[in-house]
Amino acid sequence: MLYLIELWESVRDFIAAGGDVLYVVAVALFLMWAFMIERFWYLASVYPKLRDEIISNWDAREDTTSWYAHRIRDTWISQASEGLGTRMLLIKTLVAMCPLIGLLGTVTGMIGVFETMAAQGTSNPRLMAAGISMATIPTMAGMVAALSGVFFSSRLEAKVKIAREKLVDALPHH
């Protein structure tokens, strides 16, 4: 329990040093990871059942060679692909937004530095240090958030592409 209190105090100090923009970075990071975890769960548990159902429906069909049968096949593949691709664009957008949110923190931090310089002059570097810290920490946090998402979203995208290709291959196109 003491560890959690110390951890929370460290997080609170980090946010105080980086400014309120870090809350926005944290929300974007949370949403990005929630959507990625949901997509990995979908690929691991929901999609295999859907894929097996589509394959068994295709195998149960007597007609798999007519134009009509091919349109049914294409429709099933399209529906499965739509389910696979759900929220992928949103995940990529959140990954791309994290550094931009961090840059917003940089701008607000630098505005604080300039306000301090205008009010107090440039002779006291300690007064400017808080603003400079507030300018650099959000950028770093945004970049770390984005980097954590880049690898896993790329991996997720590759899994979606492979799953779609395997479904296309599993439904013979006579």
C-alpha atoms as a PDB file:
ATOM      1  CA  MET A   1       0.000   0.000   0.000  1.00  0.00           C
ATOM      2  CA  LEU A   2       2.882   2.347   0.808  1.00  0.00           C
ATOM      3  CA  TYR A   3       4.326   1.643  -2.629  1.00  0.00           C
ATOM      4  CA  LEU A   4       1.088   2.754  -4.306  1.00  0.00           C
ATOM      5  CA  ILE A   5       1.045   5.983  -2.301  1.00  0.00           C
ATOM      6  CA  GLU A   6       4.641   6.713  -3.303  1.00  0.00           C
ATOM      7  CA  LEU A   7       3.832   5.879  -6.920  1.00  0.00           C
ATOM      8  CA  TRP A   8       0.829   8.225  -6.900  1.00  0.00           C
ATOM      9  CA  GLU A   9       2.944  11.007  -5.371  1.00  0.00           C
ATOM     10  CA  SER A  10       5.567  10.521  -8.094  1.00  0.00           C
ATOM     11  CA  VAL A  11       2.899  10.700 -10.800  1.00  0.00           C
ATOM     12  CA  ARG A  12       1.390  13.793  -9.192  1.00  0.00           C
ATOM     13  CA  ASP A  13       4.812  15.480  -9.017  1.00  0.00           C
ATOM     14  CA  PHE A  14       5.466  14.574 -12.660  1.00  0.00           C
ATOM     15  CA  ILE A  15       2.136  16.105 -13.727  1.00  0.00           C
ATOM     16  CA  ALA A  16       2.803  19.194 -11.620  1.00  0.00           C
ATOM     17  CA  ALA A  17       6.180  19.611 -13.355  1.00  0.00           C
ATOM     18  CA  GLY A  18       4.728  19.002 -16.823  1.00  0.00           C
ATOM     19  CA  GLY A  19       1.452  20.848 -16.572  1.00  0.00           C
ATOM     20  CA  ASP A  20      -2.176  19.998 -17.137  1.00  0.00           C
ATOM     21  CA  VAL A  21      -1.525  18.960 -20.740  1.00  0.00           C
ATOM     22  CA  LEU A  22      -0.220  15.678 -19.321  1.00  0.00           C
ATOM     23  CA  TYR A  23      -3.791  14.809 -18.348  1.00  0.00           C
ATOM     24  CA  VAL A  24      -4.755  15.058 -22.011  1.00  0.00           C
ATOM     25  CA  VAL A  25      -1.774  12.873 -22.980  1.00  0.00           C
ATOM     26  CA  ALA A  26      -2.852  10.357 -20.334  1.00  0.00           C
ATOM     27  CA  VAL A  27      -6.428  10.267 -21.657  1.00  0.00           C
ATOM     28  CA  ALA A  28      -5.205   9.766 -25.240  1.00  0.00           C
ATOM     29  CA  LEU A  29      -2.816   7.039 -24.066  1.00  0.00           C
ATOM     30  CA  PHE A  30      -5.563   5.289 -22.084  1.00  0.00           C
ATOM     31  CA  LEU A  31      -7.987   5.360 -25.024  1.00  0.00           C
ATOM     32  CA  MET A  32      -5.318   4.165 -27.455  1.00  0.00           C
ATOM     33  CA  TRP A  33      -4.419   1.194 -25.255  1.00  0.00           C
ATOM     34  CA  ALA A  34      -8.046   0.374 -24.457  1.00  0.00           C
ATOM     35  CA  PHE A  35      -8.836   0.197 -28.174  1.00  0.00           C
ATOM     36  CA  MET A  36      -5.697  -1.832 -28.940  1.00  0.00           C
ATOM     37  CA  ILE A  37      -6.415  -4.330 -26.158  1.00  0.00           C
ATOM     38  CA  GLU A  38      -9.991  -4.650 -27.418  1.00  0.00           C
ATOM     39  CA  ARG A  39      -8.735  -5.318 -30.956  1.00  0.00           C
ATOM     40  CA  PHE A  40      -6.241  -7.960 -29.769  1.00  0.00           C
ATOM     41  CA  TRP A  41      -9.076  -9.570 -27.777  1.00  0.00           C
ATOM     42  CA  TYR A  42     -11.338  -9.479 -30.859  1.00  0.00           C
ATOM     43  CA  LEU A  43      -8.647 -11.146 -32.983  1.00  0.00           C
ATOM     44  CA  ALA A  44      -7.988 -13.816 -30.378  1.00  0.00           C
ATOM     45  CA  SER A  45     -11.494 -14.745 -29.277  1.00  0.00           C
ATOM     46  CA  VAL A  46     -14.325 -13.255 -31.353  1.00  0.00           C
ATOM     47  CA  TYR A  47     -12.956 -13.330 -34.893  1.00  0.00           C
ATOM     48  CA  PRO A  48     -11.981 -17.045 -34.948  1.00  0.00           C
ATOM     49  CA  LYS A  49     -15.614 -18.007 -34.266  1.00  0.00           C
ATOM     50  CA  LEU A  50     -16.833 -15.665 -37.010  1.00  0.00           C
ATOM     51  CA  ARG A  51     -14.209 -16.996 -39.424  1.00  0.00           C
ATOM     52  CA  ASP A  52     -15.141 -20.617 -38.688  1.00  0.00           C
ATOM     53  CA  GLU A  53     -18.825 -19.812 -39.177  1.00  0.00           C
ATOM     54  CA  ILE A  54     -18.147 -18.169 -42.556  1.00  0.00           C
ATOM     55  CA  ILE A  55     -15.999 -21.096 -43.687  1.00  0.00           C
ATOM     56  CA  SER A  56     -18.584 -23.675 -42.597  1.00  0.00           C
ATOM     57  CA  ASN A  57     -21.367 -21.707 -44.348  1.00  0.00           C
ATOM     58  CA  TRP A  58     -19.276 -21.603 -47.527  1.00  0.00           C
ATOM     59  CA  ASP A  59     -18.443 -25.302 -47.328  1.00  0.00           C
ATOM     60  CA  ALA A  60     -22.144 -26.121 -46.767  1.00  0.00           C
ATOM     61  CA  ARG A  61     -23.160 -24.346 -49.976  1.00  0.00           C
ATOM     62  CA  GLU A  62     -23.836 -26.542 -52.970  1.00  0.00           C
ATOM     63  CA  ASP A  63     -23.145 -23.738 -55.419  1.00  0.00           C
ATOM     64  CA  THR A  64     -19.692 -22.178 -55.033  1.00  0.00           C
ATOM     65  CA  THR A  65     -18.953 -21.392 -58.661  1.00  0.00           C
ATOM     66  CA  SER A  66     -21.749 -19.142 -59.924  1.00  0.00           C
ATOM     67  CA  TRP A  67     -21.601 -15.369 -60.119  1.00  0.00           C
ATOM     68  CA  TYR A  68     -24.159 -15.198 -57.289  1.00  0.00           C
ATOM     69  CA  ALA A  69     -22.055 -17.491 -55.070  1.00  0.00           C
ATOM     70  CA  HIS A  70     -18.999 -15.313 -55.651  1.00  0.00           C
ATOM     71  CA  ARG A  71     -20.953 -12.203 -54.606  1.00  0.00           C
ATOM     72  CA  ILE A  72     -22.002 -13.985 -51.399  1.00  0.00           C
ATOM     73  CA  ARG A  73     -18.367 -14.960 -50.792  1.00  0.00           C
ATOM     74  CA  ASP A  74     -17.213 -11.399 -51.399  1.00  0.00           C
ATOM     75  CA  THR A  75     -19.913 -10.061 -49.056  1.00  0.00           C
ATOM     76  CA  TRP A  76     -18.869 -12.400 -46.252  1.00  0.00           C
ATOM     77  CA  ILE A  77     -15.220 -11.480 -46.717  1.00  0.00           C
ATOM     78  CA  SER A  78     -16.131  -7.801 -46.732  1.00  0.00           C
ATOM     79  CA  GLN A  79     -18.182  -8.109 -43.547  1.00  0.00           C
ATOM     80  CA  ALA A  80     -15.360  -9.967 -41.801  1.00  0.00           C
ATOM     81  CA  SER A  81     -12.832  -7.390 -43.028  1.00  0.00           C
ATOM     82  CA  GLU A  82     -14.993  -4.581 -41.712  1.00  0.00           C
ATOM     83  CA  GLY A  83     -15.070  -6.242 -38.301  1.00  0.00           C
ATOM     84  CA  LEU A  84     -11.306  -6.748 -38.385  1.00  0.00           C
ATOM     85  CA  GLY A  85     -10.622  -3.131 -39.315  1.00  0.00           C
ATOM     86  CA  THR A  86     -12.942  -1.587 -36.750  1.00  0.00           C
ATOM     87  CA  ARG A  87     -11.220   1.165 -34.721  1.00  0.00           C
ATOM     88  CA  MET A  88      -7.881   0.734 -36.517  1.00  0.00           C
ATOM     89  CA  LEU A  89      -8.050   4.254 -37.942  1.00  0.00           C
ATOM     90  CA  LEU A  90      -8.938   5.610 -34.507  1.00  0.00           C
ATOM     91  CA  ILE A  91      -5.939   3.829 -32.977  1.00  0.00           C
ATOM     92  CA  LYS A  92      -3.610   5.257 -35.631  1.00  0.00           C
ATOM     93  CA  THR A  93      -5.081   8.712 -35.091  1.00  0.00           C
ATOM     94  CA  LEU A  94      -4.507   8.520 -31.332  1.00  0.00           C
ATOM     95  CA  VAL A  95      -0.906   7.394 -31.912  1.00  0.00           C
ATOM     96  CA  ALA A  96      -0.355  10.378 -34.201  1.00  0.00           C
ATOM     97  CA  MET A  97      -2.076  12.801 -31.802  1.00  0.00           C
ATOM     98  CA  CYS A  98       0.082  12.012 -28.754  1.00  0.00           C
ATOM     99  CA  PRO A  99       3.191  13.929 -29.929  1.00  0.00           C
ATOM    100  CA  LEU A 100       0.983  16.816 -31.052  1.00  0.00           C
ATOM    101  CA  ILE A 101      -0.620  17.020 -27.624  1.00  0.00           C
ATOM    102  CA  GLY A 102       2.901  17.013 -26.154  1.00  0.00           C
ATOM    103  CA  LEU A 103       3.822  19.904 -28.431  1.00  0.00           C
ATOM    104  CA  LEU A 104       0.812  21.790 -27.127  1.00  0.00           C
ATOM    105  CA  GLY A 105       2.342  21.398 -23.677  1.00  0.00           C
ATOM    106  CA  THR A 106       5.622  22.720 -25.034  1.00  0.00           C
ATOM    107  CA  VAL A 107       3.913  25.822 -26.355  1.00  0.00           C
ATOM    108  CA  THR A 108       2.055  26.467 -23.100  1.00  0.00           C
ATOM    109  CA  GLY A 109       5.245  25.900 -21.102  1.00  0.00           C
ATOM    110  CA  MET A 110       7.195  28.342 -23.258  1.00  0.00           C
ATOM    111  CA  ILE A 111       4.423  30.901 -22.885  1.00  0.00           C
ATOM    112  CA  GLY A 112       4.924  30.539 -19.123  1.00  0.00           C
ATOM    113  CA  VAL A 113       8.675  31.095 -19.556  1.00  0.00           C
ATOM    114  CA  PHE A 114       8.102  34.235 -21.604  1.00  0.00           C
ATOM    115  CA  GLU A 115       5.565  35.545 -19.081  1.00  0.00           C
ATOM    116  CA  THR A 116       8.110  35.007 -16.292  1.00  0.00           C
ATOM    117  CA  MET A 117      10.809  36.728 -18.315  1.00  0.00           C
ATOM    118  CA  ALA A 118       8.502  39.678 -19.022  1.00  0.00           C
ATOM    119  CA  ALA A 119       7.475  40.055 -15.393  1.00  0.00           C
ATOM    120  CA  GLN A 120      10.727  39.239 -13.567  1.00  0.00           C
ATOM    121  CA  GLY A 121      13.387  39.833 -16.196  1.00  0.00           C
ATOM    122  CA  THR A 122      15.958  37.334 -17.400  1.00  0.00           C
ATOM    123  CA  SER A 123      18.325  37.563 -14.436  1.00  0.00           C
ATOM    124  CA  ASN A 124      16.804  34.720 -12.380  1.00  0.00           C
ATOM    125  CA  PRO A 125      17.123  31.347 -14.142  1.00  0.00           C
ATOM    126  CA  ARG A 126      15.318  29.494 -11.333  1.00  0.00           C
ATOM    127  CA  LEU A 127      12.099  31.289 -12.153  1.00  0.00           C
ATOM    128  CA  MET A 128      12.382  30.193 -15.772  1.00  0.00           C
ATOM    129  CA  ALA A 129      13.290  26.573 -14.909  1.00  0.00           C
ATOM    130  CA  ALA A 130       9.712  25.630 -13.997  1.00  0.00           C
ATOM    131  CA  GLY A 131       8.425  26.895 -17.339  1.00  0.00           C
ATOM    132  CA  ILE A 132      11.184  25.145 -19.258  1.00  0.00           C
ATOM    133  CA  SER A 133      10.399  21.920 -17.409  1.00  0.00           C
ATOM    134  CA  MET A 134       6.740  22.426 -18.211  1.00  0.00           C
ATOM    135  CA  ALA A 135       7.769  22.852 -21.851  1.00  0.00           C
ATOM    136  CA  THR A 136       9.896  19.708 -22.194  1.00  0.00           C
ATOM    137  CA  ILE A 137       8.067  17.115 -20.084  1.00  0.00           C
ATOM    138  CA  PRO A 138       4.834  17.082 -22.158  1.00  0.00           C
ATOM    139  CA  THR A 139       6.831  16.640 -25.364  1.00  0.00           C
ATOM    140  CA  MET A 140       8.668  13.684 -23.868  1.00  0.00           C
ATOM    141  CA  ALA A 141       5.437  12.206 -22.499  1.00  0.00           C
ATOM    142  CA  GLY A 142       3.700  12.584 -25.868  1.00  0.00           C
ATOM    143  CA  MET A 143       6.592  10.921 -27.682  1.00  0.00           C
ATOM    144  CA  VAL A 144       6.763   8.024 -25.200  1.00  0.00           C
ATOM    145  CA  ALA A 145       2.993   7.543 -25.493  1.00  0.00           C
ATOM    146  CA  ALA A 146       3.215   7.521 -29.286  1.00  0.00           C
ATOM    147  CA  LEU A 147       6.180   5.154 -29.345  1.00  0.00           C
ATOM    148  CA  SER A 148       4.369   2.712 -27.083  1.00  0.00           C
ATOM    149  CA  GLY A 149       1.502   2.700 -29.558  1.00  0.00           C
ATOM    150  CA  VAL A 150       3.482   2.599 -32.816  1.00  0.00           C
ATOM    151  CA  PHE A 151       4.909  -0.886 -32.307  1.00  0.00           C
ATOM    152  CA  PHE A 152       1.718  -2.482 -31.056  1.00  0.00           C
ATOM    153  CA  SER A 153      -0.559  -0.785 -33.588  1.00  0.00           C
ATOM    154  CA  SER A 154       1.766  -1.929 -36.397  1.00  0.00           C
ATOM    155  CA  ARG A 155       1.705  -5.451 -35.003  1.00  0.00           C
ATOM    156  CA  LEU A 156      -2.076  -5.287 -34.732  1.00  0.00           C
ATOM    157  CA  GLU A 157      -2.378  -4.055 -38.296  1.00  0.00           C
ATOM    158  CA  ALA A 158      -0.205  -6.934 -39.519  1.00  0.00           C
ATOM    159  CA  LYS A 159      -2.376  -9.442 -37.633  1.00  0.00           C
ATOM    160  CA  VAL A 160      -5.527  -7.955 -39.196  1.00  0.00           C
ATOM    161  CA  LYS A 161      -4.013  -8.199 -42.683  1.00  0.00           C
ATOM    162  CA  ILE A 162      -2.926 -11.818 -42.146  1.00  0.00           C
ATOM    163  CA  ALA A 163      -6.346 -12.778 -40.727  1.00  0.00           C
ATOM    164  CA  ARG A 164      -8.081 -11.296 -43.766  1.00  0.00           C
ATOM    165  CA  GLU A 165      -5.724 -13.043 -46.204  1.00  0.00           C
ATOM    166  CA  LYS A 166      -6.226 -16.388 -44.436  1.00  0.00           C
ATOM    167  CA  LEU A 167     -10.004 -15.983 -44.702  1.00  0.00           C
ATOM    168  CA  VAL A 168      -9.764 -15.230 -48.431  1.00  0.00           C
ATOM    169  CA  ASP A 169      -7.562 -18.316 -48.901  1.00  0.00           C
ATOM    170  CA  ALA A 170      -9.925 -20.488 -46.831  1.00  0.00           C
ATOM    171  CA  LEU A 171     -12.860 -19.711 -49.141  1.00  0.00           C
ATOM    172  CA  PRO A 172     -11.904 -21.297 -52.448  1.00  0.00           C
ATOM    173  CA  HIS A 173     -12.584 -19.125 -55.463  1.00  0.00           C
ATOM    174  CA  HIS A 174     -13.520 -21.700 -58.129  1.00  0.00           C
END
